[in-house]
Protein backbone atom coordinates (compact mmCIF):
# COMPACT_ATOMS: atom_id res chain seq x y z
CA MET A 1 15.67 3.52 90.84
CA THR A 2 13.10 6.24 91.37
CA LYS A 3 9.60 5.30 90.33
CA VAL A 4 8.50 6.83 87.03
CA ASP A 5 5.50 9.11 87.37
CA SER A 6 2.37 7.76 85.74
CA PRO A 7 1.03 9.60 82.70
CA ASP A 8 -2.39 11.16 82.78
CA ALA A 9 -4.42 8.07 81.93
CA LYS A 10 -7.45 9.84 80.53
CA GLY A 11 -10.49 7.91 79.50
CA PRO A 12 -12.76 5.69 81.54
CA SER A 13 -11.54 4.41 84.88
CA PRO A 14 -11.87 0.70 85.75
CA ALA A 15 -15.10 1.33 87.59
CA ASP A 16 -16.59 3.27 84.68
CA SER A 17 -15.47 0.87 81.93
CA PRO A 18 -18.03 -1.67 80.68
CA HIS A 19 -16.83 -5.15 79.83
CA ALA A 20 -13.44 -4.70 81.54
CA PRO A 21 -12.32 -8.19 82.57
CA ASP A 22 -11.20 -8.66 86.15
CA ALA A 23 -7.41 -8.57 85.86
CA SER A 24 -6.74 -9.68 89.45
CA PRO A 25 -5.83 -13.23 88.31
CA LEU A 26 -3.32 -11.70 85.91
CA GLU A 27 -1.72 -9.71 88.71
CA GLU A 28 -1.39 -12.96 90.65
CA LYS A 29 0.32 -14.60 87.68
CA LEU A 30 2.71 -11.66 87.46
CA ASP A 31 3.25 -11.48 91.23
CA TYR A 32 2.73 -7.74 90.89
CA SER A 33 -0.06 -5.50 92.18
CA PHE A 34 -0.60 -2.23 90.35
CA ARG A 35 -0.72 0.98 92.33
CA ASP A 36 -2.52 2.68 89.45
CA ARG A 37 -4.87 0.13 87.90
CA ARG A 38 -5.69 2.54 85.08
CA LEU A 39 -2.27 1.69 83.64
CA LEU A 40 -3.09 -2.02 83.66
CA GLU A 41 -6.47 -1.40 82.09
CA ARG A 42 -4.99 0.71 79.31
CA ALA A 43 -2.31 -1.89 78.61
CA LEU A 44 -5.05 -4.46 78.05
CA THR A 45 -7.21 -2.26 75.79
CA HIS A 46 -6.94 -2.80 72.04
CA ARG A 47 -7.50 0.09 69.67
CA SER A 48 -10.57 -1.63 68.20
CA TRP A 49 -12.36 -1.42 71.56
CA ALA A 50 -11.32 2.19 72.12
CA HIS A 51 -12.56 3.36 68.71
CA GLU A 52 -15.86 1.52 69.04
CA THR A 53 -16.35 3.04 72.49
CA VAL A 54 -15.68 6.70 71.64
CA GLY A 55 -17.34 6.56 68.21
CA ALA A 56 -16.68 8.55 65.06
CA GLY A 57 -14.59 11.67 65.44
CA GLY A 58 -13.11 10.55 68.74
CA GLU A 59 -9.69 9.51 67.51
CA ARG A 60 -7.82 11.80 69.91
CA GLU A 61 -9.76 10.46 72.90
CA ALA A 62 -9.30 6.89 71.70
CA ARG A 63 -5.53 7.35 71.71
CA THR A 64 -5.69 8.09 75.45
CA ILE A 65 -7.58 4.82 76.05
CA HIS A 66 -5.91 2.13 73.92
CA ASN A 67 -2.48 0.60 74.38
CA GLU A 68 -0.54 1.58 71.25
CA ALA A 69 1.55 4.26 72.96
CA PHE A 70 2.28 1.75 75.72
CA GLU A 71 3.53 -0.69 73.07
CA PHE A 72 6.09 1.93 72.03
CA VAL A 73 7.33 2.37 75.59
CA GLY A 74 7.32 -1.37 76.28
CA ASP A 75 9.31 -2.13 73.14
CA SER A 76 12.09 0.23 74.23
CA VAL A 77 12.12 -0.97 77.84
CA LEU A 78 12.16 -4.60 76.73
CA GLY A 79 15.07 -3.99 74.37
CA LEU A 80 17.15 -2.41 77.14
CA ILE A 81 16.39 -5.13 79.71
CA VAL A 82 17.07 -7.98 77.28
CA ALA A 83 20.29 -6.35 76.02
CA ASP A 84 21.52 -5.89 79.58
CA ALA A 85 20.65 -9.48 80.55
CA LEU A 86 22.33 -10.95 77.47
CA PHE A 87 25.48 -8.90 77.98
CA ARG A 88 25.74 -10.10 81.58
CA LEU A 89 25.02 -13.73 80.67
CA HIS A 90 27.36 -13.79 77.66
CA PRO A 91 30.15 -11.25 78.32
CA SER A 92 32.59 -12.69 75.77
CA VAL A 93 30.40 -13.00 72.65
CA THR A 94 30.44 -10.61 69.71
CA GLU A 95 28.06 -7.74 69.07
CA GLY A 96 26.56 -9.64 66.14
CA GLU A 97 25.87 -12.68 68.32
CA LEU A 98 24.25 -10.51 70.98
CA SER A 99 22.11 -8.86 68.31
CA ARG A 100 20.93 -12.19 66.94
CA MET A 101 20.01 -13.47 70.41
CA LYS A 102 18.17 -10.23 71.19
CA HIS A 103 16.30 -10.31 67.89
CA ARG A 104 15.03 -13.79 68.65
CA LEU A 105 14.01 -12.96 72.23
CA VAL A 106 12.01 -9.83 71.33
CA SER A 107 10.46 -11.28 68.16
CA THR A 108 6.70 -11.40 67.69
CA GLN A 109 6.83 -15.18 67.81
CA THR A 110 8.56 -15.29 71.21
CA LEU A 111 6.46 -12.54 72.80
CA ALA A 112 3.21 -14.08 71.56
CA ARG A 113 4.22 -17.43 73.05
CA VAL A 114 4.92 -15.80 76.41
CA ALA A 115 1.64 -13.87 76.22
CA ARG A 116 -0.22 -17.13 75.67
CA ARG A 117 1.44 -18.62 78.76
CA LEU A 118 0.09 -15.64 80.71
CA GLN A 119 -3.31 -16.05 78.98
CA LEU A 120 -3.23 -12.34 78.12
CA GLY A 121 -5.89 -12.78 75.46
CA GLU A 122 -8.47 -13.58 78.12
CA PHE A 123 -7.92 -10.22 79.80
CA MET A 124 -7.91 -8.06 76.67
CA ARG A 125 -10.67 -5.61 75.74
CA VAL A 126 -11.17 -5.90 71.98
CA GLY A 127 -13.83 -4.52 69.66
CA ARG A 128 -16.70 -6.59 68.31
CA GLY A 129 -15.11 -6.95 64.88
CA GLU A 130 -11.78 -8.02 66.33
CA GLU A 131 -13.58 -10.48 68.60
CA LYS A 132 -15.34 -12.10 65.65
CA THR A 133 -12.06 -12.63 63.80
CA GLY A 134 -10.34 -14.27 66.77
CA GLY A 135 -8.32 -11.23 67.76
CA ARG A 136 -7.56 -12.55 71.23
CA ARG A 137 -5.52 -15.35 69.64
CA LYS A 138 -3.64 -13.30 67.03
CA ARG A 139 0.13 -13.37 67.40
CA ALA A 140 0.70 -9.69 66.67
CA LEU A 141 -2.04 -8.55 69.06
CA LEU A 142 -0.68 -10.77 71.85
CA ALA A 143 2.93 -9.66 71.32
CA ASP A 144 1.84 -6.01 71.34
CA ALA A 145 -0.17 -6.61 74.52
CA PHE A 146 2.90 -8.09 76.22
CA GLU A 147 4.92 -4.97 75.38
CA ALA A 148 2.09 -2.74 76.60
CA LEU A 149 1.84 -4.69 79.85
CA LEU A 150 5.58 -4.31 80.40
CA ALA A 151 5.20 -0.55 79.85
CA ALA A 152 2.42 -0.45 82.44
CA VAL A 153 4.64 -2.20 84.99
CA PHE A 154 7.49 0.20 84.18
CA LEU A 155 5.31 3.30 84.48
CA ASP A 156 3.73 2.02 87.69
CA GLY A 157 6.72 0.57 89.51
CA GLY A 158 9.88 1.76 87.76
CA TYR A 159 12.75 0.02 86.01
CA ALA A 160 13.50 -2.51 88.76
CA GLU A 161 9.95 -3.89 88.66
CA ALA A 162 10.00 -3.97 84.87
CA GLN A 163 13.24 -5.92 85.02
CA ARG A 164 11.70 -8.42 87.46
CA PHE A 165 8.69 -8.76 85.14
CA VAL A 166 10.92 -9.64 82.18
CA GLU A 167 13.01 -12.06 84.21
CA ARG A 168 9.88 -13.87 85.43
CA THR A 169 8.08 -14.04 82.10
CA LEU A 170 11.04 -14.52 79.74
CA GLY A 171 13.28 -16.34 82.19
CA SER A 172 13.40 -19.69 80.40
CA GLU A 173 13.97 -18.06 77.02
CA LEU A 174 16.82 -15.96 78.45
CA GLU A 175 18.43 -19.01 80.02
CA GLU A 176 18.21 -21.03 76.81
CA ALA A 177 19.51 -18.24 74.56
CA SER A 178 22.90 -18.94 73.04
CA PRO A 179 24.88 -17.68 70.05
CA GLU A 180 24.53 -21.09 68.40
CA SER A 181 20.75 -21.40 68.76
CA ALA A 182 20.19 -17.79 67.75
CA ALA A 183 22.35 -18.15 64.64
CA ALA A 184 20.55 -21.34 63.62
CA ALA A 185 17.08 -19.90 64.17
CA ASP A 186 17.44 -16.25 63.23
CA PHE A 187 17.03 -16.34 59.46
CA LYS A 188 14.49 -19.17 59.73
CA THR A 189 12.45 -17.03 62.14
CA MET A 190 12.65 -13.98 59.89
CA LEU A 191 11.60 -15.99 56.85
CA GLN A 192 8.70 -17.62 58.67
CA GLU A 193 7.44 -14.28 59.99
CA ARG A 194 7.71 -12.66 56.54
CA LEU A 195 5.86 -15.50 54.80
CA GLN A 196 3.15 -15.73 57.44
CA SER A 197 2.49 -11.99 57.42
CA GLU A 198 2.63 -11.55 53.63
CA ARG A 199 1.51 -14.90 52.21
CA HIS A 200 -0.11 -16.69 55.17
CA LEU A 201 2.08 -19.77 54.89
CA SER A 202 5.14 -21.31 56.52
CA PRO A 203 8.27 -22.65 54.83
CA THR A 204 9.45 -26.22 55.11
CA TYR A 205 13.01 -27.50 54.85
CA GLU A 206 14.09 -30.61 52.94
CA LEU A 207 17.50 -32.29 53.02
CA VAL A 208 18.21 -32.96 49.34
CA GLU A 209 21.89 -33.91 49.20
CA THR A 210 24.82 -34.89 51.39
CA GLU A 211 28.36 -34.91 50.07
CA GLY A 212 31.87 -35.43 51.34
CA PRO A 213 33.48 -37.94 53.71
CA PRO A 214 31.91 -38.59 57.15
CA HIS A 215 34.37 -36.28 58.90
CA ALA A 216 33.75 -33.37 56.49
CA ARG A 217 30.13 -33.54 55.37
CA THR A 218 28.42 -30.79 53.43
CA PHE A 219 24.64 -30.77 53.64
CA HIS A 220 22.32 -29.28 51.02
CA VAL A 221 18.87 -28.21 52.19
CA GLU A 222 16.05 -26.52 50.28
CA ALA A 223 13.63 -24.03 51.79
CA VAL A 224 10.25 -24.74 50.17
CA PHE A 225 7.34 -22.27 49.98
CA ASP A 226 4.74 -21.48 47.34
CA THR A 227 6.36 -22.73 44.13
CA GLU A 228 9.86 -21.76 45.26
CA ARG A 229 12.70 -24.10 46.26
CA VAL A 230 15.75 -22.22 47.52
CA ARG A 231 18.90 -24.21 48.24
CA GLY A 232 21.43 -23.60 50.98
CA ARG A 233 24.43 -25.54 52.23
CA GLY A 234 26.42 -25.91 55.42
CA GLN A 235 28.58 -28.17 57.55
CA THR A 236 25.51 -29.12 59.61
CA ILE A 237 21.86 -29.51 58.66
CA LYS A 238 20.95 -26.52 60.86
CA ALA A 239 23.58 -24.38 59.16
CA ALA A 240 22.28 -25.46 55.74
CA GLU A 241 18.72 -24.56 56.76
CA MET A 242 19.89 -21.14 57.94
CA ASP A 243 21.71 -20.57 54.66
CA ALA A 244 18.63 -21.59 52.69
CA ALA A 245 16.44 -19.24 54.75
CA CYS A 246 18.90 -16.38 54.23
CA ARG A 247 18.93 -16.97 50.47
CA ALA A 248 15.13 -17.16 50.45
CA LEU A 249 14.95 -13.78 52.21
CA GLU A 250 17.26 -12.34 49.55
CA LEU A 251 15.01 -13.82 46.86
CA ILE A 252 11.76 -12.33 48.15
CA GLY A 253 13.44 -8.98 48.83
CA PRO A 254 13.02 -6.48 51.67
CA PRO A 255 9.62 -5.82 53.24
CA GLU A 256 7.49 -3.22 51.50
CA GLY A 257 8.72 0.28 52.26
CA LYS A 258 12.17 -0.90 53.35
CA ASP A 259 14.12 -0.98 50.11
CA GLY A 260 17.78 -1.50 50.61
CA GLU A 261 17.36 -3.44 53.84
CA GLY A 262 17.90 -7.15 53.95
CA PRO A 263 19.37 -9.93 56.02
CA PRO A 264 23.03 -9.70 56.95
CA PRO A 265 25.30 -12.33 55.43
CA ALA A 266 24.70 -15.82 56.76
CA ILE A 267 27.32 -17.24 59.07
CA ILE A 268 27.92 -20.87 58.12
């Protein structure tokens, strides 16, 4: 595929940028050398650093320095590459199963875990305030940085290099993805991410009842968070946990600003 032309990466160049970490070790980890290192630098620049650098009134200039636009590009490129890989690996599964596997693979939790493996936080440029609050270790910041880095690879080397980047960094997750694991984890992942972002806590799951003969068990599990206990049931403990998580998501309602949206029906 023809290489995508690089955008005009305005703002300071690597040589002119104070406190820009040496990203050569990261390139070695990625097995990719950037032709235009300004793209790599921008991918690793958080908005807090850009705004502190340009000062008040420099919002337009800051947008040409930090990585938020790259996150947008990376999110779209990642979605296409993961969808293509899943379709090729699982040609006979349903659209819903593909969607659940994709949702899990591109989730903040998964991308932050991969970013930590790459030690992306060590190469980030963050503002003083973000540094004091442990920004380099924040899940959302790391996941966004991974998407921005993918965008930089795509803009520098084209789709084929971006595809290689995803296969190298998400290879084990892609290999382990299956309709069964995605179905079991999907609602649990969504519930955990909602509770962590909105209430700064994680749910736990308790097996509270088992009924039926050994060959036809029904398990009852409760999702526990705050003062809530939400019960679900299923033919396996994992299915019961998924049902409980789905019912808990229905209980707490859609995220703010997304009325009418909610989890699809659980598949038990």
